[in-house]
Amino acid sequence: MSGVANPILPGCYPDPSICRVGADYYLVTSTFEYLPGLPVWHSTDLVSWDLTGHVVTRAGQLDFGGIASSGGLYAPTIRHHDGCFWVVCTLVDSNDASRGGNFLMTATDPAGPWSDPVWLDADGIDPSLFFDEDGRIWVHGTRLAREPRWHHQTEVWLREFDPAAGALVGPEHILWNGAMLGVVWAEAPHLYRVDGTYYLLAAEGGTEFHHAVCVARSASVTGPYEGNRSNPIMTHRHLGRGVDVVATGHADLVQAADGSWWAVLLATRPYGGYHYNLGRETFLVPVVWEDGWPVFAPGEGRVSARVEVPFARPFPSPADAGQHPGLVQPSDPRWTSLRRPASEFAVANGNGWRLRVRPETLADAATPAFLGVRQQHRDVDVQAVLRASLRPGEEMGVVVRQSEDDHVRLALSTGTDGALLVRAIHRRSGVEEVLGEADAGLRAGAPVRLGLRVRGQDYALTVAAGDTEQVVATADGRTLDSVATGGFLGLWFGVYATGNGVASTTQVDIERFEYRPLNPSR
């Protein structure tokens, strides 16, 4: 028997969905405006997870142009049926409700390539798939109620899917409005059939502090559904805001090969007050069945810091950055760009990258020359070695990114005398403030080492020439998380280059990028 530390996917990996194919488990999470989109994780024991590929990888699959931060890809569901992997998801544009919608993509290999989207005639968010034993396929999701009895009342709908036509067919069925009167956002629905009974698992209460998991059951897939008297079957809201894990919800069930049951779900880990800079993360809890109902985390009733998995290998391996701390090379699957593939402006160059300066800035809902990785640890050192001969008006640097309107960057630009100017800039609610300036004694074309020294909620921005490092400014991380700024994202660390609205042929060499957590388990 071996245990796994929760979360199983640290950092901004929210809205997990899971399926099993033989001895293999596959899991996907939301990615919003970041590309590649919808990571597909693989495991054979629910403990060690490897990033095997992404669903959205190429230009033309989906159009993210102009979609603001915390828009984009919401709440995917992954299922396997008849030799094929299926993912349904929602593309959200908060500025244009007519754009995007619910879609389906398929692949025979979870590593890809995945198909172009099949758009579904269904509004709302959080679509899911259920393959019934009689061969029928059902799509279900959530939307604002057509005839609401209270503000933000939602309804879970169900329709049959015809794979030959690639379309929803037949009548629509309304299954659920939530377990509690007056509840908001009954969402993330998933259907299962267990011992001849249909079960509907759903989240409710919103994806923040009041998040919860509830369950209902029926003798028929189309209902009516009765709620469990024990609802919610998982929540931490009764524990208050001072606990180690909050906002538990958005769960999906999977039965292991040995017959045991498990759930993946999202939650957050506040620190430095009620702030969760790492975003919504993926956790694992055991599940048992009693009196015809699922019981989450039996005997504890909450997400624990460590979960014992009887069939796991005896050497747990923390996911992602905790697994391979240090140098982040171009082949590392953690790299992300914004709204379009990084290949449009970046090429691998040894252990680093060569970026082509683009006119777009980090304040634009567009595709700046930006490459980043998720913050996955509270205490971490990040370093980037940059080199470029910038022209007047151009800028390069490192950034702690929440969104277009909220980020902190350490910016390098060229003065009239050819010296490099170093400024720490905090963009907060769309307004920029200079936190500090430094004279590093550097000239354009010389290599410069920029750093982020993160200790809890203190984000120190550093610059070094040779062995001499100086702190330019320290930003308060409590102003950057989604509690302070809104939205659904954790923080990203990245490198960028911009012409500040002017086209350019300048290239920036990112000679090295390092991500070194002080404690890989936190």
Protein backbone atom coordinates (compact mmCIF):
# COMPACT_ATOMS: atom_id res chain seq x y z
CA MET A 1 0.00 0.00 0.00
CA SER A 2 1.22 3.49 -0.84
CA GLY A 3 -0.10 6.92 -0.16
CA VAL A 4 -0.37 10.05 -2.24
CA ALA A 5 -0.11 13.61 -1.00
CA ASN A 6 -3.06 15.84 -1.79
CA PRO A 7 -3.41 17.61 -4.13
CA ILE A 8 -2.49 15.05 -6.76
CA LEU A 9 -2.12 17.89 -9.30
CA PRO A 10 -0.84 21.02 -7.54
CA GLY A 11 -1.31 24.43 -9.07
CA CYS A 12 -4.08 25.64 -11.35
CA TYR A 13 -5.59 22.34 -12.50
CA PRO A 14 -9.32 22.80 -11.80
CA ASP A 15 -12.52 20.96 -12.79
CA PRO A 16 -11.03 17.44 -12.99
CA SER A 17 -12.73 14.66 -14.91
CA ILE A 18 -11.50 11.07 -14.95
CA CYS A 19 -12.11 7.76 -16.69
CA ARG A 20 -10.52 4.30 -16.58
CA VAL A 21 -9.57 2.11 -19.54
CA GLY A 22 -8.44 -1.29 -18.32
CA ALA A 23 -5.57 -0.62 -15.92
CA ASP A 24 -5.08 2.97 -17.07
CA TYR A 25 -6.63 6.18 -15.76
CA TYR A 26 -7.00 9.39 -17.77
CA LEU A 27 -7.77 12.82 -16.34
CA VAL A 28 -8.42 16.24 -17.88
CA THR A 29 -8.75 19.73 -16.37
CA SER A 30 -9.76 23.25 -17.45
CA THR A 31 -7.23 25.62 -19.03
CA PHE A 32 -9.25 28.77 -19.85
CA GLU A 33 -7.27 31.08 -22.20
CA TYR A 34 -3.99 29.11 -22.02
CA LEU A 35 -2.67 26.83 -24.75
CA PRO A 36 -2.10 23.98 -25.25
CA GLY A 37 -5.57 23.38 -23.86
CA LEU A 38 -7.11 20.59 -21.80
CA PRO A 39 -4.15 18.52 -20.54
CA VAL A 40 -4.63 14.75 -20.59
CA TRP A 41 -2.97 13.08 -17.62
CA HIS A 42 -2.24 9.34 -17.40
CA SER A 43 -1.78 7.09 -14.38
CA THR A 44 -1.85 3.40 -13.58
CA ASP A 45 -2.37 3.81 -9.83
CA LEU A 46 -4.07 7.19 -9.17
CA VAL A 47 -0.84 8.30 -7.45
CA SER A 48 1.78 8.97 -10.14
CA TRP A 49 0.52 11.14 -13.01
CA ASP A 50 2.22 11.90 -16.31
CA LEU A 51 1.13 14.52 -18.81
CA THR A 52 0.55 12.49 -21.96
CA GLY A 53 -0.81 15.22 -24.22
CA HIS A 54 -3.40 17.94 -24.76
CA VAL A 55 -6.75 18.03 -26.51
CA VAL A 56 -6.41 21.53 -28.02
CA THR A 57 -3.01 21.96 -29.62
CA ARG A 58 -3.25 23.55 -33.05
CA ALA A 59 -4.42 26.77 -34.63
CA GLY A 60 -7.85 26.39 -36.17
CA GLN A 61 -9.24 23.89 -33.68
CA LEU A 62 -10.81 26.70 -31.67
CA ASP A 63 -10.73 30.49 -31.89
CA PHE A 64 -9.56 32.18 -28.69
CA GLY A 65 -8.95 35.60 -30.24
CA GLY A 66 -10.01 38.40 -27.91
CA ILE A 67 -11.23 36.10 -25.14
CA ALA A 68 -10.35 37.72 -21.83
CA SER A 69 -8.65 35.96 -18.92
CA SER A 70 -10.80 33.42 -17.09
CA GLY A 71 -12.71 32.88 -20.32
CA GLY A 72 -11.94 30.08 -22.76
CA LEU A 73 -12.10 26.40 -21.91
CA TYR A 74 -14.36 25.47 -18.98
CA ALA A 75 -14.93 22.14 -17.26
CA PRO A 76 -14.13 19.31 -19.68
CA THR A 77 -15.40 15.75 -19.25
CA ILE A 78 -13.40 12.76 -20.52
CA ARG A 79 -14.92 9.36 -21.27
CA HIS A 80 -13.89 6.25 -23.23
CA HIS A 81 -16.25 4.20 -25.35
CA ASP A 82 -15.80 1.57 -28.05
CA GLY A 83 -12.08 2.23 -28.56
CA CYS A 84 -12.40 6.00 -28.65
CA PHE A 85 -11.75 8.81 -26.17
CA TRP A 86 -14.38 11.53 -25.99
CA VAL A 87 -14.01 14.99 -24.45
CA VAL A 88 -16.86 17.48 -24.16
CA CYS A 89 -16.20 21.01 -23.00
CA THR A 90 -17.39 24.63 -23.18
CA LEU A 91 -15.69 27.56 -24.90
CA VAL A 92 -16.72 30.71 -23.00
CA ASP A 93 -16.42 34.31 -24.14
CA SER A 94 -17.82 36.58 -21.44
CA ASN A 95 -17.80 39.54 -23.83
CA ASP A 96 -19.78 37.76 -26.57
CA ALA A 97 -22.37 35.25 -25.39
CA SER A 98 -23.12 34.22 -28.99
CA ARG A 99 -19.56 32.99 -29.46
CA GLY A 100 -18.32 29.56 -28.46
CA GLY A 101 -20.58 27.05 -26.76
CA ASN A 102 -20.45 23.34 -26.04
CA PHE A 103 -18.43 21.03 -28.25
CA LEU A 104 -17.17 17.45 -28.58
CA MET A 105 -13.73 16.21 -29.63
CA THR A 106 -12.53 12.62 -30.06
CA ALA A 107 -9.27 10.69 -30.40
CA THR A 108 -8.22 7.07 -30.58
CA ASP A 109 -5.01 7.94 -28.70
CA PRO A 110 -5.32 10.18 -25.61
CA ALA A 111 -1.96 11.76 -26.53
CA GLY A 112 -3.63 13.02 -29.71
CA PRO A 113 -4.16 14.23 -32.26
CA TRP A 114 -7.71 15.14 -31.29
CA SER A 115 -10.40 15.97 -33.79
CA ASP A 116 -11.78 19.34 -34.68
CA PRO A 117 -14.81 20.27 -32.57
CA VAL A 118 -18.32 19.02 -33.19
CA TRP A 119 -20.52 21.83 -31.91
CA LEU A 120 -23.56 20.86 -29.87
CA ASP A 121 -26.88 22.67 -30.01
CA ALA A 122 -26.99 23.26 -26.28
CA ASP A 123 -26.43 26.36 -24.18
CA GLY A 124 -24.92 26.57 -20.72
CA ILE A 125 -21.68 25.12 -19.39
CA ASP A 126 -20.10 21.95 -17.94
CA PRO A 127 -21.26 19.33 -20.46
CA SER A 128 -20.81 15.66 -19.69
CA LEU A 129 -21.30 12.32 -21.46
CA PHE A 130 -22.97 9.09 -20.38
CA PHE A 131 -22.84 5.86 -22.39
CA ASP A 132 -25.71 3.65 -21.29
CA GLU A 133 -25.73 -0.14 -21.41
CA ASP A 134 -28.37 -0.13 -24.16
CA GLY A 135 -25.98 1.72 -26.50
CA ARG A 136 -27.60 5.12 -26.21
CA ILE A 137 -25.39 8.16 -25.61
CA TRP A 138 -26.58 11.01 -23.41
CA VAL A 139 -25.18 14.53 -23.15
CA HIS A 140 -26.00 16.58 -20.08
CA GLY A 141 -24.94 19.95 -18.74
CA THR A 142 -26.02 22.93 -16.69
CA ARG A 143 -27.48 26.33 -17.53
CA LEU A 144 -29.38 29.16 -15.91
CA ALA A 145 -32.97 28.04 -15.38
CA ARG A 146 -35.36 29.08 -18.13
CA GLU A 147 -38.00 29.98 -15.52
CA PRO A 148 -35.96 30.73 -12.38
CA ARG A 149 -37.52 30.93 -8.95
CA TRP A 150 -34.45 32.68 -7.51
CA HIS A 151 -31.33 34.51 -8.71
CA HIS A 152 -28.76 32.22 -10.37
CA GLN A 153 -30.96 29.17 -10.11
CA THR A 154 -29.67 26.62 -12.60
CA GLU A 155 -30.95 23.41 -14.12
CA VAL A 156 -29.26 20.23 -15.27
CA TRP A 157 -30.55 19.15 -18.69
CA LEU A 158 -30.23 15.87 -20.61
CA ARG A 159 -30.54 15.00 -24.31
CA GLU A 160 -29.61 12.02 -26.44
CA PHE A 161 -26.66 12.25 -28.82
CA ASP A 162 -26.66 10.64 -32.26
CA PRO A 163 -23.02 9.91 -33.20
CA ALA A 164 -23.87 9.29 -36.85
CA ALA A 165 -25.49 12.71 -37.19
CA GLY A 166 -23.08 14.37 -34.74
CA ALA A 167 -26.03 16.08 -33.11
CA LEU A 168 -28.35 16.09 -30.13
CA VAL A 169 -31.67 14.46 -30.89
CA GLY A 170 -34.99 13.81 -29.19
CA PRO A 171 -36.65 15.62 -26.31
CA GLU A 172 -34.86 17.50 -23.56
CA HIS A 173 -35.22 16.40 -19.94
CA ILE A 174 -34.64 18.65 -16.92
CA LEU A 175 -33.09 16.46 -14.22
CA TRP A 176 -32.10 18.65 -11.32
CA ASN A 177 -32.06 22.15 -9.81
CA GLY A 178 -29.80 21.38 -6.89
CA ALA A 179 -30.19 19.66 -3.56
CA MET A 180 -31.17 22.75 -1.58
CA LEU A 181 -33.87 25.37 -1.98
CA GLY A 182 -32.33 28.64 -3.14
CA VAL A 183 -29.02 27.02 -4.13
CA VAL A 184 -26.97 28.66 -6.87
CA TRP A 185 -25.01 27.02 -9.68
CA ALA A 186 -25.97 23.35 -9.63
CA GLU A 187 -23.21 22.49 -12.08
CA ALA A 188 -20.57 19.95 -13.10
CA PRO A 189 -23.13 17.15 -13.60
CA HIS A 190 -21.98 13.57 -14.24
CA LEU A 191 -24.16 10.49 -14.70
CA TYR A 192 -23.27 6.91 -13.74
CA ARG A 193 -25.08 3.59 -13.65
CA VAL A 194 -24.25 1.46 -10.63
CA ASP A 195 -26.06 -1.83 -9.95
CA GLY A 196 -28.92 -0.84 -12.23
CA THR A 197 -29.50 2.58 -10.63
CA TYR A 198 -28.67 5.92 -12.27
CA TYR A 199 -26.73 8.43 -10.17
CA LEU A 200 -26.36 12.14 -10.87
CA LEU A 201 -23.37 13.79 -9.22
CA ALA A 202 -23.31 17.59 -9.25
CA ALA A 203 -21.60 20.53 -7.59
CA GLU A 204 -23.49 23.48 -6.18
CA GLY A 205 -22.98 26.68 -4.22
CA GLY A 206 -20.53 28.25 -6.65
CA THR A 207 -16.89 27.32 -7.13
CA GLU A 208 -15.58 29.31 -4.16
CA PHE A 209 -16.05 28.97 -0.38
CA HIS A 210 -19.59 27.47 -0.51
CA HIS A 211 -18.68 24.81 -3.06
CA ALA A 212 -20.18 21.36 -2.39
CA VAL A 213 -20.81 17.96 -3.98
CA CYS A 214 -24.35 16.52 -4.00
CA VAL A 215 -25.88 13.35 -5.43
CA ALA A 216 -29.28 12.15 -6.63
CA ARG A 217 -30.51 8.85 -8.04
CA SER A 218 -33.21 7.44 -10.28
CA ALA A 219 -34.49 4.20 -11.76
CA SER A 220 -34.44 5.87 -15.21
CA VAL A 221 -31.76 7.94 -16.89
CA THR A 222 -34.34 10.62 -17.69
CA GLY A 223 -35.55 10.82 -14.09
CA PRO A 224 -37.19 11.76 -11.85
CA TYR A 225 -34.19 12.00 -9.50
CA GLU A 226 -34.35 11.94 -5.72
CA GLY A 227 -31.68 13.65 -3.66
CA ASN A 228 -29.65 11.98 -0.96
CA ARG A 229 -30.79 13.01 2.52
CA SER A 230 -27.09 13.29 3.41
CA ASN A 231 -26.45 16.04 0.84
CA PRO A 232 -24.01 17.61 0.51
CA ILE A 233 -21.88 14.47 0.54
CA MET A 234 -18.67 16.52 0.40
CA THR A 235 -18.01 20.12 1.42
CA HIS A 236 -15.63 22.08 3.65
CA ARG A 237 -17.76 25.19 4.00
CA HIS A 238 -18.86 24.18 7.52
CA LEU A 239 -15.20 24.17 8.61
CA GLY A 240 -14.74 27.92 8.10
CA ARG A 241 -12.17 29.88 6.14
CA GLY A 242 -9.23 29.08 8.39
CA VAL A 243 -8.74 25.42 7.43
CA ASP A 244 -6.03 24.09 5.17
CA VAL A 245 -8.36 23.13 2.31
CA VAL A 246 -11.50 25.00 1.21
CA ALA A 247 -13.94 25.17 -1.72
CA THR A 248 -14.22 21.41 -2.30
CA GLY A 249 -16.43 20.47 -5.22
CA HIS A 250 -16.72 19.64 -8.92
CA ALA A 251 -16.15 15.90 -8.46
CA ASP A 252 -16.04 12.93 -10.82
CA LEU A 253 -16.19 9.24 -9.85
CA VAL A 254 -14.12 6.32 -11.11
CA GLN A 255 -14.12 2.64 -10.20
CA ALA A 256 -10.66 1.09 -9.95
CA ALA A 257 -9.76 -2.27 -11.42
CA ASP A 258 -9.92 -3.85 -7.94
CA GLY A 259 -13.54 -2.72 -7.54
CA SER A 260 -12.84 0.20 -5.19
CA TRP A 261 -14.26 3.65 -5.89
CA TRP A 262 -12.53 7.02 -5.92
CA ALA A 263 -13.36 10.64 -6.64
CA VAL A 264 -11.27 13.45 -8.04
CA LEU A 265 -12.42 16.95 -7.18
CA LEU A 266 -11.17 20.51 -7.02
CA ALA A 267 -10.32 22.49 -3.89
CA THR A 268 -8.03 25.33 -2.86
CA ARG A 269 -5.34 25.77 -0.20
CA PRO A 270 -5.39 29.26 1.38
CA TYR A 271 -2.30 30.78 2.97
CA GLY A 272 -1.33 34.23 4.14
CA GLY A 273 -4.96 34.84 4.98
CA TYR A 274 -7.87 33.79 2.81
CA HIS A 275 -5.90 33.77 -0.45
CA TYR A 276 -5.09 30.86 -2.75
CA ASN A 277 -2.42 31.92 -5.21
CA LEU A 278 -1.98 28.38 -6.51
CA GLY A 279 -5.55 28.40 -7.78
CA ARG A 280 -8.02 25.54 -7.77
CA GLU A 281 -6.18 22.22 -7.62
CA THR A 282 -7.06 18.54 -8.16
CA PHE A 283 -7.49 16.31 -5.09
CA LEU A 284 -8.28 12.62 -4.56
CA VAL A 285 -10.62 11.02 -1.99
CA PRO A 286 -11.77 7.43 -1.47
CA VAL A 287 -15.45 6.57 -1.90
CA VAL A 288 -17.55 3.69 -0.55
CA TRP A 289 -21.19 2.77 -1.12
CA GLU A 290 -23.62 2.50 1.77
CA ASP A 291 -27.38 2.00 1.52
CA GLY A 292 -27.24 2.65 -2.20
CA TRP A 293 -25.40 5.99 -1.93
CA PRO A 294 -21.76 7.07 -2.37
CA VAL A 295 -19.92 8.18 0.79
CA PHE A 296 -16.93 10.46 0.19
CA ALA A 297 -13.89 10.13 2.48
CA PRO A 298 -15.57 7.60 4.81
CA GLY A 299 -14.63 8.01 8.46
CA GLU A 300 -13.21 11.49 7.87
CA GLY A 301 -15.77 13.40 5.83
CA ARG A 302 -13.17 15.77 4.43
CA VAL A 303 -10.24 15.94 2.05
CA SER A 304 -7.15 14.70 3.86
CA ALA A 305 -3.55 15.73 3.33
CA ARG A 306 -2.64 12.17 2.39
CA VAL A 307 -4.64 9.34 0.87
CA GLU A 308 -3.73 5.67 1.11
CA VAL A 309 -4.17 3.85 -2.21
CA PRO A 310 -3.90 0.07 -1.68
CA PHE A 311 -2.92 -0.79 -5.26
CA ALA A 312 -0.43 2.06 -5.76
CA ARG A 313 3.26 1.58 -6.35
CA PRO A 314 5.37 2.04 -3.19
CA PHE A 315 7.11 5.21 -4.37
CA PRO A 316 4.75 8.14 -4.90
CA SER A 317 5.95 10.69 -7.37
CA PRO A 318 4.65 14.26 -7.02
CA ALA A 319 3.16 15.54 -10.24
CA ASP A 320 4.62 18.07 -12.60
CA ALA A 321 7.06 20.65 -11.23
CA GLY A 322 7.56 18.77 -7.97
CA GLN A 323 8.65 15.77 -10.00
CA HIS A 324 11.38 17.50 -12.00
CA PRO A 325 12.39 20.69 -10.19
CA GLY A 326 14.98 22.95 -11.72
CA LEU A 327 15.67 23.62 -15.37
CA VAL A 328 12.53 23.92 -17.49
CA GLN A 329 13.59 23.06 -21.04
CA PRO A 330 11.57 23.73 -24.20
CA SER A 331 10.41 20.10 -24.35
CA ASP A 332 8.81 20.41 -20.92
CA PRO A 333 5.00 20.05 -21.25
CA ARG A 334 4.41 22.68 -18.55
CA TRP A 335 5.02 25.56 -20.98
CA THR A 336 1.92 27.50 -22.02
CA SER A 337 1.11 30.46 -24.22
CA LEU A 338 -1.93 32.70 -24.50
CA ARG A 339 -4.76 32.03 -26.99
CA ARG A 340 -2.58 30.76 -29.85
CA PRO A 341 0.22 28.18 -30.15
CA ALA A 342 3.64 29.30 -29.00
CA SER A 343 5.11 28.13 -32.31
CA GLU A 344 3.80 31.35 -33.86
CA PHE A 345 6.39 33.44 -32.00
CA ALA A 346 8.86 31.10 -30.28
CA VAL A 347 11.36 28.41 -31.27
CA ALA A 348 13.44 26.16 -29.06
CA ASN A 349 17.02 27.36 -28.71
CA GLY A 350 19.26 25.00 -26.74
CA ASN A 351 18.02 24.88 -23.16
CA GLY A 352 15.84 27.92 -23.75
CA TRP A 353 13.76 29.80 -26.27
CA ARG A 354 14.06 32.48 -28.90
CA LEU A 355 11.08 34.83 -28.84
CA ARG A 356 10.08 37.13 -31.66
CA VAL A 357 8.96 40.48 -30.24
CA ARG A 358 5.28 41.03 -30.93
CA PRO A 359 3.36 44.32 -30.71
CA GLU A 360 0.83 42.88 -28.25
CA THR A 361 1.37 43.54 -24.54
CA LEU A 362 0.44 41.58 -21.42
CA ALA A 363 -2.44 44.03 -20.98
CA ASP A 364 -4.06 42.94 -24.25
CA ALA A 365 -6.59 40.11 -24.57
CA ALA A 366 -4.50 38.80 -27.45
CA THR A 367 -1.36 36.72 -27.98
CA PRO A 368 1.71 38.51 -26.67
CA ALA A 369 5.11 36.86 -26.92
CA PHE A 370 4.65 35.10 -23.58
CA LEU A 371 5.64 31.68 -22.28
CA GLY A 372 4.75 30.63 -18.76
CA VAL A 373 4.35 27.84 -16.24
CA ARG A 374 1.93 27.51 -13.34
CA GLN A 375 2.94 28.43 -9.82
CA GLN A 376 2.66 25.12 -8.00
CA HIS A 377 4.48 25.80 -4.72
CA ARG A 378 4.22 28.45 -2.04
CA ASP A 379 7.97 28.91 -1.72
CA VAL A 380 9.88 28.83 -4.98
CA ASP A 381 12.80 30.44 -6.78
CA VAL A 382 12.39 31.28 -10.47
CA GLN A 383 15.22 32.53 -12.66
CA ALA A 384 15.40 33.49 -16.30
CA VAL A 385 18.50 34.51 -18.26
CA LEU A 386 17.55 36.89 -21.09
CA ARG A 387 19.57 38.49 -23.85
CA ALA A 388 18.47 40.93 -26.57
CA SER A 389 19.38 44.16 -28.26
CA LEU A 390 16.13 45.97 -27.61
CA ARG A 391 15.11 49.00 -29.61
CA PRO A 392 13.60 52.07 -27.95
CA GLY A 393 10.05 51.32 -26.88
CA GLU A 394 10.58 47.57 -26.70
CA GLU A 395 10.44 45.61 -23.45
CA MET A 396 11.26 42.14 -22.14
CA GLY A 397 11.19 40.56 -18.72
CA VAL A 398 9.58 38.13 -16.32
CA VAL A 399 6.01 38.30 -15.04
CA VAL A 400 3.77 36.96 -12.31
CA ARG A 401 0.52 36.74 -14.25
CA GLN A 402 -3.07 36.61 -13.09
CA SER A 403 -4.73 38.35 -16.05
CA GLU A 404 -4.47 41.27 -18.45
CA ASP A 405 -5.54 43.67 -15.70
CA ASP A 406 -3.61 42.13 -12.81
CA HIS A 407 0.02 41.11 -12.99
CA VAL A 408 3.47 42.10 -11.75
CA ARG A 409 6.37 42.24 -14.16
CA LEU A 410 10.08 42.98 -13.96
CA ALA A 411 10.62 44.90 -17.17
CA LEU A 412 13.81 45.63 -19.08
CA SER A 413 13.97 48.39 -21.66
CA THR A 414 16.72 50.36 -23.38
CA GLY A 415 17.49 53.95 -22.46
CA THR A 416 18.75 56.62 -24.85
CA ASP A 417 22.32 55.88 -23.79
CA GLY A 418 22.01 52.14 -24.56
CA ALA A 419 21.84 51.12 -20.90
CA LEU A 420 19.19 48.67 -19.77
CA LEU A 421 16.52 50.16 -17.55
CA VAL A 422 15.02 47.84 -14.92
CA ARG A 423 11.58 48.52 -13.44
CA ALA A 424 9.19 46.48 -11.32
CA ILE A 425 5.64 47.31 -12.41
CA HIS A 426 2.39 46.23 -10.76
CA ARG A 427 -0.67 46.39 -13.01
CA ARG A 428 -3.65 46.30 -10.66
CA SER A 429 -7.24 46.52 -11.91
CA GLY A 430 -5.84 47.92 -15.15
CA VAL A 431 -3.79 50.70 -13.54
CA GLU A 432 0.02 50.49 -13.53
CA GLU A 433 2.27 51.48 -10.66
CA VAL A 434 6.08 51.37 -10.58
CA LEU A 435 7.11 49.47 -7.46
CA GLY A 436 10.83 50.01 -7.87
CA GLU A 437 13.71 50.73 -10.24
CA ALA A 438 17.31 49.54 -10.38
CA ASP A 439 20.55 50.33 -12.15
CA ALA A 440 22.11 46.96 -12.91
CA GLY A 441 24.96 48.44 -14.93
CA LEU A 442 23.91 46.47 -18.03
CA ARG A 443 23.85 47.41 -21.68
CA ALA A 444 21.66 46.13 -24.50
CA GLY A 445 22.82 42.77 -25.82
CA ALA A 446 24.34 41.61 -22.53
CA PRO A 447 22.84 38.62 -20.69
CA VAL A 448 20.80 39.52 -17.64
CA ARG A 449 19.45 37.25 -14.93
CA LEU A 450 15.97 38.09 -13.68
CA GLY A 451 14.45 36.32 -10.73
CA LEU A 452 11.37 35.78 -8.62
CA ARG A 453 12.01 34.81 -5.01
CA VAL A 454 8.64 33.74 -3.67
CA ARG A 455 8.18 33.14 0.04
CA GLY A 456 4.53 32.76 0.89
CA GLN A 457 2.83 36.00 -0.13
CA ASP A 458 6.08 37.92 -0.68
CA TYR A 459 7.12 38.01 -4.35
CA ALA A 460 10.58 39.56 -4.58
CA LEU A 461 11.67 40.60 -8.08
CA THR A 462 15.44 40.46 -8.55
CA VAL A 463 18.00 41.39 -11.18
CA ALA A 464 21.60 40.24 -11.38
CA ALA A 465 24.65 40.94 -13.44
CA GLY A 466 27.30 38.34 -12.73
CA ASP A 467 27.14 37.29 -9.08
CA THR A 468 25.61 40.50 -7.78
CA GLU A 469 21.86 40.23 -7.25
CA GLN A 470 19.60 43.00 -6.04
CA VAL A 471 15.93 43.11 -5.13
CA VAL A 472 14.15 45.68 -7.28
CA ALA A 473 10.85 45.43 -5.40
CA THR A 474 8.65 43.02 -3.46
CA ALA A 475 5.04 42.58 -4.50
CA ASP A 476 2.23 41.45 -2.22
CA GLY A 477 0.82 38.18 -3.54
CA ARG A 478 -2.46 38.82 -1.73
CA THR A 479 -3.25 41.42 -4.38
CA LEU A 480 -2.84 38.91 -7.21
CA ASP A 481 -4.93 35.84 -6.43
CA SER A 482 -8.49 35.39 -7.66
CA VAL A 483 -9.94 36.30 -4.25
CA ALA A 484 -8.52 39.80 -4.74
CA THR A 485 -8.89 40.12 -8.51
CA GLY A 486 -11.85 37.92 -9.47
CA GLY A 487 -11.75 35.18 -12.07
CA PHE A 488 -10.89 31.52 -11.83
CA LEU A 489 -7.13 31.29 -12.27
CA GLY A 490 -4.08 30.66 -10.17
CA LEU A 491 -0.80 32.45 -10.89
CA TRP A 492 1.64 31.84 -13.74
CA PHE A 493 5.36 32.65 -13.89
CA GLY A 494 6.61 33.56 -17.34
CA VAL A 495 8.86 35.43 -19.72
CA TYR A 496 7.67 37.95 -22.27
CA ALA A 497 8.74 40.41 -24.95
CA THR A 498 6.73 43.24 -26.50
CA GLY A 499 7.05 46.13 -28.89
CA ASN A 500 4.34 47.98 -26.94
CA GLY A 501 2.08 48.32 -29.95
CA VAL A 502 4.80 48.50 -32.61
CA ALA A 503 5.76 45.64 -34.95
CA SER A 504 9.38 44.52 -34.66
CA THR A 505 11.97 42.11 -36.00
CA THR A 506 13.84 42.00 -32.67
CA GLN A 507 14.44 38.57 -31.14
CA VAL A 508 14.88 37.82 -27.46
CA ASP A 509 16.91 34.83 -26.33
CA ILE A 510 15.63 33.14 -23.18
CA GLU A 511 18.86 31.30 -22.50
CA ARG A 512 17.67 29.55 -19.37
CA PHE A 513 14.54 29.25 -17.23
CA GLU A 514 14.52 27.60 -13.81
CA TYR A 515 11.72 26.74 -11.39
CA ARG A 516 13.07 25.52 -8.05
CA PRO A 517 10.60 24.83 -5.22
CA LEU A 518 12.08 24.96 -1.74
CA ASN A 519 9.78 22.16 -0.61
CA PRO A 520 8.45 20.05 -3.51
CA SER A 521 5.61 18.69 -1.34
CA ARG A 522 4.08 22.16 -0.72
